[in-house]
């Protein structure tokens, strides 16, 4: 697969997150933890989890902003020590110990700077707080869910029950083609799955 090589940046920018942003994220993802005094004291020092990005497809015109964003947030390949210089489609890039909640900012920037890219972005779980997964595919939009450390998305049981209860007379097929399609990210994950399958088969 062809690579696009760019000159290294002068310096990698440091990403800083304030206490309130981290606290808001934690309160949303795990209310029971955010209520604990000891959790608040930890938030004031360092709350982090690995951030991981896999870009499956991107047009040539969006490679430079993608690489700039990856450098800005320290996303690197497994054996890269310095700022990333080449984007390899299908490779997972990682930013160790990224500030909790950074996933949302990076996902928004990715969609803004590279709207035609197909990507998966996730932040690993932190203690009892769930991981956070984003995926984007042009024409199909954005999908967001909880996830594990491997970036495997999952839907909460309460969300599933609420959605199913709102359409008591619908068949499973009807629900999957309407509300269920959005909740489960069927269209977006189908696109992502095709890219994964192609790379697994070596095509």
N, C-alpha and C. Protein backbone atom coordinates (compact mmCIF):
# COMPACT_ATOMS: atom_id res chain seq x y z
N UNK A 1 0.85 -1.19 0.00
CA UNK A 1 0.00 0.00 0.00
C UNK A 1 0.89 1.24 0.00
N UNK A 2 0.66 2.21 -0.90
CA UNK A 2 1.52 3.39 -0.99
C UNK A 2 1.43 4.26 0.25
N UNK A 3 2.56 4.83 0.64
CA UNK A 3 2.62 5.71 1.79
C UNK A 3 2.85 7.14 1.32
N UNK A 4 2.39 8.08 2.09
CA UNK A 4 2.68 9.48 1.84
C UNK A 4 3.61 9.96 2.93
N UNK A 5 4.83 10.35 2.57
CA UNK A 5 5.83 10.74 3.56
C UNK A 5 5.90 12.26 3.64
N UNK A 6 5.83 12.77 4.85
CA UNK A 6 5.89 14.21 5.06
C UNK A 6 7.09 14.56 5.93
N UNK A 7 7.51 15.81 5.88
CA UNK A 7 8.62 16.25 6.73
C UNK A 7 8.18 16.29 8.17
N UNK A 8 9.09 15.97 9.11
CA UNK A 8 8.72 15.96 10.52
C UNK A 8 8.33 17.34 10.99
N UNK A 9 7.42 17.44 11.98
CA UNK A 9 7.04 18.75 12.51
C UNK A 9 8.14 19.31 13.38
N UNK A 10 8.11 20.60 13.60
CA UNK A 10 9.14 21.22 14.44
C UNK A 10 9.04 20.72 15.86
N UNK A 11 7.84 20.63 16.35
CA UNK A 11 7.64 20.20 17.72
C UNK A 11 6.26 19.64 17.88
N UNK A 12 6.11 18.60 18.68
CA UNK A 12 4.78 18.03 18.92
C UNK A 12 4.08 18.85 20.00
N UNK A 13 2.87 19.31 19.68
CA UNK A 13 2.14 20.13 20.64
C UNK A 13 1.63 19.27 21.77
N UNK A 14 1.62 19.84 22.96
CA UNK A 14 1.12 19.12 24.12
C UNK A 14 -0.37 19.35 24.27
N UNK A 15 -1.09 18.27 24.53
CA UNK A 15 -2.54 18.41 24.68
C UNK A 15 -2.88 18.51 26.16
N UNK A 16 -3.56 19.57 26.54
CA UNK A 16 -3.90 19.77 27.94
C UNK A 16 -5.40 19.76 28.12
N UNK A 17 -5.82 19.09 29.18
CA UNK A 17 -7.26 19.05 29.49
C UNK A 17 -7.48 19.57 30.90
N UNK A 18 -8.49 20.39 31.08
CA UNK A 18 -8.77 20.95 32.40
C UNK A 18 -9.54 19.96 33.25
N UNK A 19 -9.53 20.22 34.54
CA UNK A 19 -10.20 19.36 35.51
C UNK A 19 -11.68 19.19 35.19
N UNK A 20 -12.35 20.27 34.83
CA UNK A 20 -13.80 20.20 34.63
C UNK A 20 -14.17 19.34 33.44
N UNK A 21 -13.36 19.32 32.39
CA UNK A 21 -13.66 18.49 31.22
C UNK A 21 -13.56 17.02 31.59
N UNK A 22 -12.51 16.66 32.32
CA UNK A 22 -12.35 15.26 32.73
C UNK A 22 -13.46 14.85 33.69
N UNK A 23 -13.81 15.74 34.60
CA UNK A 23 -14.86 15.42 35.56
C UNK A 23 -16.20 15.23 34.86
N UNK A 24 -16.48 16.07 33.87
CA UNK A 24 -17.76 15.95 33.15
C UNK A 24 -17.83 14.63 32.40
N UNK A 25 -16.72 14.24 31.77
CA UNK A 25 -16.70 12.97 31.05
C UNK A 25 -16.94 11.80 32.00
N UNK A 26 -16.24 11.83 33.14
CA UNK A 26 -16.36 10.74 34.09
C UNK A 26 -17.77 10.67 34.66
N UNK A 27 -18.36 11.82 34.96
CA UNK A 27 -19.72 11.84 35.50
C UNK A 27 -20.71 11.25 34.51
N UNK A 28 -20.47 11.50 33.22
CA UNK A 28 -21.38 11.00 32.19
C UNK A 28 -21.22 9.49 32.01
N UNK A 29 -19.98 9.02 32.05
CA UNK A 29 -19.71 7.61 31.78
C UNK A 29 -19.88 6.73 33.01
N UNK A 30 -19.58 7.27 34.18
CA UNK A 30 -19.65 6.44 35.38
C UNK A 30 -20.03 7.30 36.58
N UNK A 31 -21.32 7.60 36.75
CA UNK A 31 -21.76 8.51 37.81
C UNK A 31 -21.35 8.08 39.21
N UNK A 32 -21.35 6.76 39.46
CA UNK A 32 -21.03 6.29 40.81
C UNK A 32 -19.60 6.62 41.18
N UNK A 33 -18.68 6.55 40.21
CA UNK A 33 -17.30 6.88 40.50
C UNK A 33 -17.09 8.38 40.65
N UNK A 34 -17.77 9.16 39.80
CA UNK A 34 -17.54 10.60 39.84
C UNK A 34 -18.02 11.22 41.13
N UNK A 35 -18.89 10.52 41.85
CA UNK A 35 -19.42 11.05 43.10
C UNK A 35 -18.47 10.84 44.27
N UNK A 36 -17.45 10.01 44.09
CA UNK A 36 -16.57 9.70 45.21
C UNK A 36 -15.51 10.79 45.40
N UNK A 37 -15.29 11.23 46.65
CA UNK A 37 -14.29 12.26 46.90
C UNK A 37 -12.90 11.85 46.42
N UNK A 38 -12.51 10.56 46.66
CA UNK A 38 -11.17 10.14 46.26
C UNK A 38 -11.01 10.19 44.76
N UNK A 39 -12.11 9.95 44.00
CA UNK A 39 -12.05 10.04 42.54
C UNK A 39 -11.78 11.48 42.12
N UNK A 40 -12.42 12.43 42.81
CA UNK A 40 -12.21 13.84 42.48
C UNK A 40 -10.76 14.24 42.71
N UNK A 41 -10.16 13.71 43.78
CA UNK A 41 -8.77 14.07 44.03
C UNK A 41 -7.86 13.48 42.97
N UNK A 42 -8.20 12.29 42.44
CA UNK A 42 -7.42 11.69 41.37
C UNK A 42 -7.54 12.53 40.11
N UNK A 43 -8.77 13.03 39.83
CA UNK A 43 -8.99 13.83 38.63
C UNK A 43 -8.10 15.06 38.63
N UNK A 44 -7.85 15.62 39.81
CA UNK A 44 -7.02 16.80 39.88
C UNK A 44 -5.57 16.52 39.52
N UNK A 45 -5.15 15.25 39.60
CA UNK A 45 -3.76 14.93 39.31
C UNK A 45 -3.60 14.38 37.90
N UNK A 46 -4.15 13.21 37.64
CA UNK A 46 -3.91 12.60 36.34
C UNK A 46 -4.92 11.49 36.10
N UNK A 47 -5.84 11.70 35.18
CA UNK A 47 -6.78 10.68 34.78
C UNK A 47 -6.55 10.42 33.31
N UNK A 48 -6.13 9.22 32.98
CA UNK A 48 -5.75 8.97 31.59
C UNK A 48 -6.04 7.53 31.21
N UNK A 49 -6.12 7.32 29.91
CA UNK A 49 -6.26 5.98 29.33
C UNK A 49 -5.77 6.06 27.90
N UNK A 50 -5.26 4.96 27.37
CA UNK A 50 -4.72 4.97 26.02
C UNK A 50 -5.78 5.36 25.00
N UNK A 51 -5.35 6.16 24.03
CA UNK A 51 -6.19 6.56 22.91
C UNK A 51 -5.68 5.83 21.67
N UNK A 52 -6.58 5.23 20.89
CA UNK A 52 -6.16 4.44 19.73
C UNK A 52 -6.95 4.85 18.48
N UNK A 53 -6.26 4.89 17.36
CA UNK A 53 -6.85 5.35 16.11
C UNK A 53 -6.48 4.41 14.98
N UNK A 54 -7.47 4.05 14.17
CA UNK A 54 -7.23 3.26 12.96
C UNK A 54 -7.96 3.96 11.81
N UNK A 55 -7.19 4.39 10.82
CA UNK A 55 -7.77 5.02 9.64
C UNK A 55 -7.80 4.00 8.52
N UNK A 56 -8.98 3.69 8.05
CA UNK A 56 -9.13 2.66 7.03
C UNK A 56 -9.03 3.21 5.61
N UNK A 57 -9.45 4.44 5.43
CA UNK A 57 -9.44 5.04 4.10
C UNK A 57 -9.41 6.56 4.24
N UNK A 58 -8.67 7.21 3.34
CA UNK A 58 -8.63 8.67 3.35
C UNK A 58 -8.14 9.15 1.99
N UNK A 59 -8.76 10.17 1.43
CA UNK A 59 -8.28 10.73 0.16
C UNK A 59 -6.94 11.44 0.35
N UNK A 60 -6.19 11.55 -0.74
CA UNK A 60 -4.85 12.14 -0.66
C UNK A 60 -4.89 13.56 -0.09
N UNK A 61 -5.93 14.32 -0.41
CA UNK A 61 -6.00 15.69 0.05
C UNK A 61 -6.21 15.86 1.54
N UNK A 62 -6.54 14.76 2.24
CA UNK A 62 -6.78 14.84 3.69
C UNK A 62 -5.65 14.20 4.50
N UNK A 63 -4.62 13.72 3.83
CA UNK A 63 -3.53 13.05 4.56
C UNK A 63 -2.75 14.02 5.44
N UNK A 64 -2.45 15.21 4.93
CA UNK A 64 -1.67 16.16 5.72
C UNK A 64 -2.40 16.59 6.99
N UNK A 65 -3.69 16.99 6.93
CA UNK A 65 -4.37 17.33 8.19
C UNK A 65 -4.50 16.14 9.14
N UNK A 66 -4.63 14.93 8.60
CA UNK A 66 -4.68 13.75 9.46
C UNK A 66 -3.36 13.55 10.20
N UNK A 67 -2.27 13.64 9.47
CA UNK A 67 -0.96 13.46 10.10
C UNK A 67 -0.68 14.57 11.11
N UNK A 68 -1.08 15.80 10.78
CA UNK A 68 -0.90 16.92 11.72
C UNK A 68 -1.65 16.66 13.02
N UNK A 69 -2.87 16.17 12.90
CA UNK A 69 -3.68 15.89 14.09
C UNK A 69 -3.07 14.76 14.91
N UNK A 70 -2.58 13.72 14.24
CA UNK A 70 -1.96 12.61 14.94
C UNK A 70 -0.70 13.05 15.68
N UNK A 71 0.08 13.91 15.06
CA UNK A 71 1.28 14.43 15.73
C UNK A 71 0.90 15.28 16.93
N UNK A 72 -0.12 16.09 16.75
CA UNK A 72 -0.54 16.99 17.83
C UNK A 72 -0.89 16.22 19.09
N UNK A 73 -1.49 15.06 18.92
CA UNK A 73 -1.95 14.29 20.09
C UNK A 73 -1.08 13.07 20.38
N UNK A 74 0.08 12.98 19.75
CA UNK A 74 1.03 11.93 20.09
C UNK A 74 0.62 10.54 19.67
N UNK A 75 -0.18 10.41 18.63
CA UNK A 75 -0.60 9.09 18.13
C UNK A 75 0.52 8.52 17.27
N UNK A 76 1.03 7.36 17.67
CA UNK A 76 2.18 6.76 16.98
C UNK A 76 1.96 5.28 16.76
N UNK A 77 2.71 4.75 15.78
CA UNK A 77 2.70 3.31 15.56
C UNK A 77 3.46 2.60 16.66
N UNK A 78 3.33 1.30 16.70
CA UNK A 78 3.90 0.51 17.80
C UNK A 78 5.40 0.69 17.93
N UNK A 79 6.11 0.79 16.82
CA UNK A 79 7.58 0.86 16.87
C UNK A 79 8.12 2.26 16.54
N UNK A 80 7.27 3.24 16.53
CA UNK A 80 7.71 4.60 16.23
C UNK A 80 8.05 5.33 17.53
N UNK A 81 9.21 5.96 17.55
CA UNK A 81 9.62 6.70 18.74
C UNK A 81 9.35 8.20 18.59
N UNK A 82 9.45 8.70 17.39
CA UNK A 82 9.21 10.12 17.16
C UNK A 82 7.85 10.35 16.55
N UNK A 83 7.55 11.59 16.20
CA UNK A 83 6.26 11.92 15.58
C UNK A 83 6.04 11.12 14.31
N UNK A 84 4.81 10.72 14.09
CA UNK A 84 4.47 9.91 12.91
C UNK A 84 4.74 10.68 11.63
N UNK A 85 5.37 10.01 10.65
CA UNK A 85 5.71 10.65 9.39
C UNK A 85 4.89 10.08 8.22
N UNK A 86 4.48 8.83 8.36
CA UNK A 86 3.78 8.15 7.27
C UNK A 86 2.50 7.54 7.80
N UNK A 87 1.43 7.70 7.07
CA UNK A 87 0.15 7.11 7.46
C UNK A 87 -0.03 5.78 6.74
N UNK A 88 -0.17 4.72 7.52
CA UNK A 88 -0.44 3.40 6.96
C UNK A 88 -1.89 3.06 7.23
N UNK A 89 -2.66 2.91 6.18
CA UNK A 89 -4.08 2.60 6.34
C UNK A 89 -4.25 1.24 7.00
N UNK A 90 -5.17 1.17 7.95
CA UNK A 90 -5.43 -0.08 8.64
C UNK A 90 -4.55 -0.34 9.84
N UNK A 91 -3.55 0.49 10.06
CA UNK A 91 -2.68 0.33 11.23
C UNK A 91 -3.28 1.05 12.42
N UNK A 92 -3.07 0.50 13.61
CA UNK A 92 -3.55 1.13 14.83
C UNK A 92 -2.44 2.02 15.40
N UNK A 93 -2.77 3.27 15.62
CA UNK A 93 -1.85 4.24 16.22
C UNK A 93 -2.33 4.53 17.64
N UNK A 94 -1.37 4.66 18.54
CA UNK A 94 -1.73 4.77 19.96
C UNK A 94 -1.07 5.99 20.60
N UNK A 95 -1.83 6.65 21.47
CA UNK A 95 -1.29 7.70 22.33
C UNK A 95 -1.44 7.22 23.77
N UNK A 96 -0.37 6.73 24.39
CA UNK A 96 -0.48 6.20 25.75
C UNK A 96 -0.87 7.28 26.76
N UNK A 97 -1.68 6.88 27.72
CA UNK A 97 -2.02 7.77 28.84
C UNK A 97 -2.55 9.12 28.38
N UNK A 98 -3.48 9.10 27.43
CA UNK A 98 -4.11 10.34 26.98
C UNK A 98 -5.14 10.78 28.01
N UNK A 99 -5.33 12.08 28.12
CA UNK A 99 -6.28 12.62 29.09
C UNK A 99 -7.67 12.04 28.84
N UNK A 100 -8.33 11.63 29.89
CA UNK A 100 -9.66 11.05 29.76
C UNK A 100 -10.62 12.07 29.17
N UNK A 101 -11.31 11.69 28.12
CA UNK A 101 -12.21 12.60 27.44
C UNK A 101 -11.62 13.16 26.15
N UNK A 102 -10.33 12.92 25.91
CA UNK A 102 -9.69 13.42 24.69
C UNK A 102 -10.32 12.81 23.44
N UNK A 103 -10.86 11.63 23.58
CA UNK A 103 -11.46 10.92 22.45
C UNK A 103 -12.51 11.78 21.74
N UNK A 104 -13.34 12.49 22.52
CA UNK A 104 -14.39 13.31 21.93
C UNK A 104 -13.80 14.45 21.11
N UNK A 105 -12.78 15.09 21.63
CA UNK A 105 -12.16 16.20 20.91
C UNK A 105 -11.52 15.72 19.61
N UNK A 106 -10.79 14.62 19.68
CA UNK A 106 -10.10 14.11 18.50
C UNK A 106 -11.10 13.62 17.45
N UNK A 107 -12.18 12.97 17.88
CA UNK A 107 -13.21 12.51 16.94
C UNK A 107 -13.82 13.69 16.18
N UNK A 108 -14.12 14.76 16.90
CA UNK A 108 -14.70 15.95 16.27
C UNK A 108 -13.72 16.57 15.28
N UNK A 109 -12.44 16.62 15.66
CA UNK A 109 -11.43 17.18 14.77
C UNK A 109 -11.25 16.32 13.53
N UNK A 110 -11.27 15.00 13.71
CA UNK A 110 -11.12 14.10 12.56
C UNK A 110 -12.23 14.32 11.54
N UNK A 111 -13.45 14.44 12.02
CA UNK A 111 -14.57 14.63 11.11
C UNK A 111 -14.54 16.01 10.46
N UNK A 112 -13.99 16.97 11.16
CA UNK A 112 -13.89 18.33 10.61
C UNK A 112 -12.75 18.43 9.59
N UNK A 113 -11.58 17.87 9.94
CA UNK A 113 -10.40 18.01 9.09
C UNK A 113 -10.33 16.97 7.98
N UNK A 114 -10.96 15.81 8.19
CA UNK A 114 -10.92 14.74 7.19
C UNK A 114 -12.31 14.11 7.05
N UNK A 115 -13.28 14.87 6.53
CA UNK A 115 -14.66 14.39 6.48
C UNK A 115 -14.89 13.19 5.57
N UNK A 116 -13.92 12.91 4.68
CA UNK A 116 -14.08 11.79 3.76
C UNK A 116 -13.29 10.55 4.18
N UNK A 117 -12.74 10.61 5.38
CA UNK A 117 -11.98 9.47 5.88
C UNK A 117 -12.90 8.47 6.58
N UNK A 118 -12.54 7.20 6.49
CA UNK A 118 -13.20 6.15 7.26
C UNK A 118 -12.27 5.82 8.41
N UNK A 119 -12.73 5.99 9.64
CA UNK A 119 -11.84 5.75 10.77
C UNK A 119 -12.57 5.15 11.96
N UNK A 120 -11.78 4.54 12.84
CA UNK A 120 -12.23 4.12 14.16
C UNK A 120 -11.31 4.77 15.18
N UNK A 121 -11.88 5.29 16.23
CA UNK A 121 -11.13 5.93 17.30
C UNK A 121 -11.72 5.49 18.62
N UNK A 122 -10.87 5.10 19.54
CA UNK A 122 -11.42 4.72 20.85
C UNK A 122 -10.42 5.02 21.96
N UNK A 123 -10.99 5.23 23.15
CA UNK A 123 -10.19 5.40 24.36
C UNK A 123 -10.48 4.24 25.27
N UNK A 124 -9.42 3.62 25.78
CA UNK A 124 -9.57 2.42 26.59
C UNK A 124 -10.37 2.69 27.87
N UNK A 125 -10.98 1.65 28.43
CA UNK A 125 -11.66 1.82 29.72
C UNK A 125 -10.69 2.29 30.80
N UNK A 126 -11.22 3.00 31.77
CA UNK A 126 -10.43 3.47 32.90
C UNK A 126 -11.13 3.04 34.19
N UNK A 127 -10.51 2.14 34.95
CA UNK A 127 -11.12 1.59 36.14
C UNK A 127 -12.50 1.03 35.78
N UNK A 128 -13.54 1.51 36.48
CA UNK A 128 -14.88 1.02 36.19
C UNK A 128 -15.57 1.81 35.07
N UNK A 129 -14.93 2.88 34.60
CA UNK A 129 -15.52 3.67 33.52
C UNK A 129 -15.35 2.94 32.20
N UNK A 130 -16.39 2.93 31.40
CA UNK A 130 -16.37 2.24 30.13
C UNK A 130 -15.42 2.93 29.15
N UNK A 131 -14.94 2.18 28.16
CA UNK A 131 -14.21 2.78 27.07
C UNK A 131 -15.17 3.57 26.19
N UNK A 132 -14.61 4.34 25.27
CA UNK A 132 -15.45 5.18 24.41
C UNK A 132 -15.00 5.01 22.97
N UNK A 133 -15.93 4.66 22.11
CA UNK A 133 -15.65 4.31 20.72
C UNK A 133 -16.35 5.26 19.76
N UNK A 134 -15.63 5.70 18.73
CA UNK A 134 -16.20 6.50 17.65
C UNK A 134 -15.82 5.85 16.32
N UNK A 135 -16.75 5.85 15.39
CA UNK A 135 -16.44 5.41 14.03
C UNK A 135 -17.14 6.35 13.07
N UNK A 136 -16.52 6.55 11.92
CA UNK A 136 -17.08 7.46 10.93
C UNK A 136 -16.90 6.88 9.54
N UNK A 137 -17.95 6.98 8.74
CA UNK A 137 -17.91 6.57 7.35
C UNK A 137 -18.68 7.60 6.53
N UNK A 138 -18.06 8.18 5.50
CA UNK A 138 -18.77 9.15 4.68
C UNK A 138 -20.07 8.56 4.14
N UNK A 139 -21.08 9.39 4.02
CA UNK A 139 -22.42 9.03 3.54
C UNK A 139 -23.25 8.34 4.61
N UNK A 140 -22.60 7.68 5.59
CA UNK A 140 -23.34 6.99 6.64
C UNK A 140 -23.25 7.69 7.98
N UNK A 141 -22.26 8.56 8.14
CA UNK A 141 -22.19 9.37 9.34
C UNK A 141 -21.34 8.79 10.45
N UNK A 142 -21.79 9.04 11.66
CA UNK A 142 -20.99 8.80 12.86
C UNK A 142 -21.69 7.79 13.76
N UNK A 143 -20.89 6.94 14.38
CA UNK A 143 -21.42 6.00 15.38
C UNK A 143 -20.57 6.10 16.64
N UNK A 144 -21.25 6.10 17.77
CA UNK A 144 -20.58 6.25 19.07
C UNK A 144 -21.14 5.24 20.05
N UNK A 145 -20.26 4.61 20.83
CA UNK A 145 -20.71 3.60 21.79
C UNK A 145 -19.62 3.38 22.83
N UNK A 146 -19.95 2.61 23.86
CA UNK A 146 -18.94 2.14 24.79
C UNK A 146 -18.11 1.07 24.10
N UNK A 147 -16.94 0.73 24.68
CA UNK A 147 -16.09 -0.28 24.06
C UNK A 147 -15.12 -0.87 25.07
N UNK A 148 -14.43 -1.94 24.63
CA UNK A 148 -13.36 -2.50 25.45
C UNK A 148 -12.02 -1.96 24.97
N UNK A 149 -10.93 -2.47 25.53
CA UNK A 149 -9.60 -1.95 25.20
C UNK A 149 -9.16 -2.31 23.79
N UNK A 150 -9.86 -3.24 23.14
CA UNK A 150 -9.54 -3.60 21.77
C UNK A 150 -10.35 -2.80 20.76
N UNK A 151 -11.16 -1.87 21.24
CA UNK A 151 -11.98 -1.08 20.34
C UNK A 151 -13.20 -1.82 19.82
N UNK A 152 -13.65 -2.83 20.56
CA UNK A 152 -14.86 -3.56 20.18
C UNK A 152 -16.06 -2.86 20.82
N UNK A 153 -16.94 -2.25 20.02
CA UNK A 153 -18.04 -1.49 20.60
C UNK A 153 -19.12 -2.38 21.19
N UNK A 154 -19.82 -1.85 22.19
CA UNK A 154 -20.95 -2.57 22.76
C UNK A 154 -22.02 -1.57 23.19
N UNK A 155 -23.23 -2.04 23.23
CA UNK A 155 -24.38 -1.20 23.57
C UNK A 155 -24.87 -1.59 24.96
N UNK A 156 -25.20 -0.60 25.77
CA UNK A 156 -25.69 -0.86 27.12
C UNK A 156 -27.05 -1.54 27.12
N UNK A 157 -27.24 -2.43 28.07
CA UNK A 157 -28.50 -3.16 28.17
C UNK A 157 -29.67 -2.20 28.38
N UNK A 158 -29.49 -1.17 29.20
CA UNK A 158 -30.56 -0.23 29.48
C UNK A 158 -30.98 0.52 28.22
N UNK A 159 -29.99 0.91 27.41
CA UNK A 159 -30.31 1.58 26.15
C UNK A 159 -31.10 0.66 25.22
N UNK A 160 -30.68 -0.60 25.20
CA UNK A 160 -31.34 -1.57 24.32
C UNK A 160 -32.78 -1.81 24.77
N UNK A 161 -32.99 -1.95 26.06
CA UNK A 161 -34.34 -2.17 26.59
C UNK A 161 -35.23 -0.96 26.31
N UNK A 162 -34.67 0.23 26.51
CA UNK A 162 -35.45 1.44 26.27
C UNK A 162 -35.88 1.55 24.81
N UNK A 163 -34.97 1.26 23.91
CA UNK A 163 -35.28 1.35 22.49
C UNK A 163 -36.32 0.30 22.08
N UNK A 164 -36.16 -0.91 22.56
CA UNK A 164 -37.10 -1.98 22.21
C UNK A 164 -38.48 -1.71 22.80
N UNK A 165 -38.51 -1.14 24.00
CA UNK A 165 -39.79 -0.87 24.66
C UNK A 165 -40.55 0.25 23.97
N UNK A 166 -39.84 1.12 23.26
CA UNK A 166 -40.51 2.23 22.60
C UNK A 166 -41.25 1.80 21.33
N UNK A 167 -40.99 0.58 20.87
CA UNK A 167 -41.67 0.05 19.67
C UNK A 167 -42.18 -1.36 19.96
N UNK A 168 -43.16 -1.48 20.86
CA UNK A 168 -43.60 -2.83 21.29
C UNK A 168 -44.21 -3.66 20.17
N UNK A 169 -44.81 -3.03 19.17
CA UNK A 169 -45.46 -3.81 18.11
C UNK A 169 -44.57 -4.13 16.93
N UNK A 170 -43.35 -3.63 16.94
CA UNK A 170 -42.46 -3.82 15.79
C UNK A 170 -41.80 -5.19 15.82
N UNK A 171 -41.61 -5.75 14.65
CA UNK A 171 -40.85 -7.00 14.56
C UNK A 171 -39.37 -6.67 14.67
N UNK A 172 -38.56 -7.68 14.90
CA UNK A 172 -37.12 -7.46 14.99
C UNK A 172 -36.58 -6.87 13.69
N UNK A 173 -37.08 -7.35 12.58
CA UNK A 173 -36.64 -6.84 11.28
C UNK A 173 -36.98 -5.36 11.13
N UNK A 174 -38.20 -4.98 11.54
CA UNK A 174 -38.59 -3.57 11.48
C UNK A 174 -37.70 -2.71 12.35
N UNK A 175 -37.45 -3.19 13.57
CA UNK A 175 -36.65 -2.42 14.52
C UNK A 175 -35.20 -2.27 14.02
N UNK A 176 -34.66 -3.34 13.44
CA UNK A 176 -33.28 -3.30 12.95
C UNK A 176 -33.13 -2.35 11.77
N UNK A 177 -34.20 -2.12 11.04
CA UNK A 177 -34.12 -1.23 9.88
C UNK A 177 -34.47 0.22 10.24
N UNK A 178 -34.81 0.46 11.49
CA UNK A 178 -35.16 1.82 11.90
C UNK A 178 -34.35 2.23 13.12
N UNK A 179 -34.96 2.22 14.32
CA UNK A 179 -34.26 2.67 15.53
C UNK A 179 -33.02 1.83 15.81
N UNK A 180 -33.12 0.52 15.60
CA UNK A 180 -32.00 -0.36 15.89
C UNK A 180 -30.78 -0.08 15.04
N UNK A 181 -31.02 0.36 13.81
CA UNK A 181 -29.89 0.64 12.91
C UNK A 181 -29.01 1.75 13.47
N UNK A 182 -29.63 2.77 14.06
CA UNK A 182 -28.86 3.86 14.65
C UNK A 182 -28.19 3.46 15.94
N UNK A 183 -28.92 2.77 16.79
CA UNK A 183 -28.38 2.37 18.09
C UNK A 183 -27.18 1.44 17.93
N UNK A 184 -27.27 0.53 16.97
CA UNK A 184 -26.22 -0.47 16.77
C UNK A 184 -25.17 -0.05 15.75
N UNK A 185 -25.38 1.09 15.12
CA UNK A 185 -24.39 1.57 14.15
C UNK A 185 -24.21 0.64 12.97
N UNK A 186 -25.31 0.04 12.52
CA UNK A 186 -25.22 -1.02 11.52
C UNK A 186 -24.53 -0.57 10.24
N UNK A 187 -24.92 0.58 9.69
CA UNK A 187 -24.36 1.02 8.41
C UNK A 187 -22.88 1.37 8.53
N UNK A 188 -22.53 2.13 9.58
CA UNK A 188 -21.13 2.54 9.76
C UNK A 188 -20.24 1.33 10.03
N UNK A 189 -20.68 0.45 10.90
CA UNK A 189 -19.87 -0.72 11.24
C UNK A 189 -19.75 -1.69 10.07
N UNK A 190 -20.74 -1.69 9.19
CA UNK A 190 -20.65 -2.54 8.00
C UNK A 190 -19.50 -2.06 7.10
N UNK A 191 -19.37 -0.74 6.95
CA UNK A 191 -18.27 -0.19 6.15
C UNK A 191 -16.93 -0.52 6.79
N UNK A 192 -16.83 -0.30 8.10
CA UNK A 192 -15.60 -0.59 8.82
C UNK A 192 -15.27 -2.08 8.71
N UNK A 193 -16.29 -2.92 8.83
CA UNK A 193 -16.08 -4.36 8.75
C UNK A 193 -15.55 -4.80 7.40
N UNK A 194 -15.99 -4.14 6.34
CA UNK A 194 -15.49 -4.48 5.00
C UNK A 194 -14.00 -4.20 4.88
N UNK A 195 -13.57 -3.07 5.40
CA UNK A 195 -12.13 -2.75 5.35
C UNK A 195 -11.32 -3.74 6.18
N UNK A 196 -11.84 -4.08 7.34
CA UNK A 196 -11.13 -5.03 8.18
C UNK A 196 -11.02 -6.39 7.49
N UNK A 197 -12.11 -6.81 6.87
CA UNK A 197 -12.12 -8.11 6.19
C UNK A 197 -11.13 -8.13 5.02
N UNK A 198 -11.07 -7.02 4.28
CA UNK A 198 -10.15 -6.94 3.14
C UNK A 198 -8.69 -7.05 3.60
N UNK A 199 -8.38 -6.40 4.72
CA UNK A 199 -6.99 -6.46 5.19
C UNK A 199 -6.67 -7.81 5.81
N UNK A 200 -7.66 -8.44 6.43
CA UNK A 200 -7.44 -9.78 7.00
C UNK A 200 -7.15 -10.80 5.91
N UNK A 201 -7.80 -10.61 4.74
CA UNK A 201 -7.63 -11.55 3.64
C UNK A 201 -6.42 -11.19 2.77
N UNK A 202 -5.81 -10.02 3.08
CA UNK A 202 -4.63 -9.60 2.35
C UNK A 202 -4.90 -9.00 1.00
N UNK A 203 -6.18 -8.69 0.71
CA UNK A 203 -6.52 -8.12 -0.60
C UNK A 203 -6.38 -6.60 -0.59
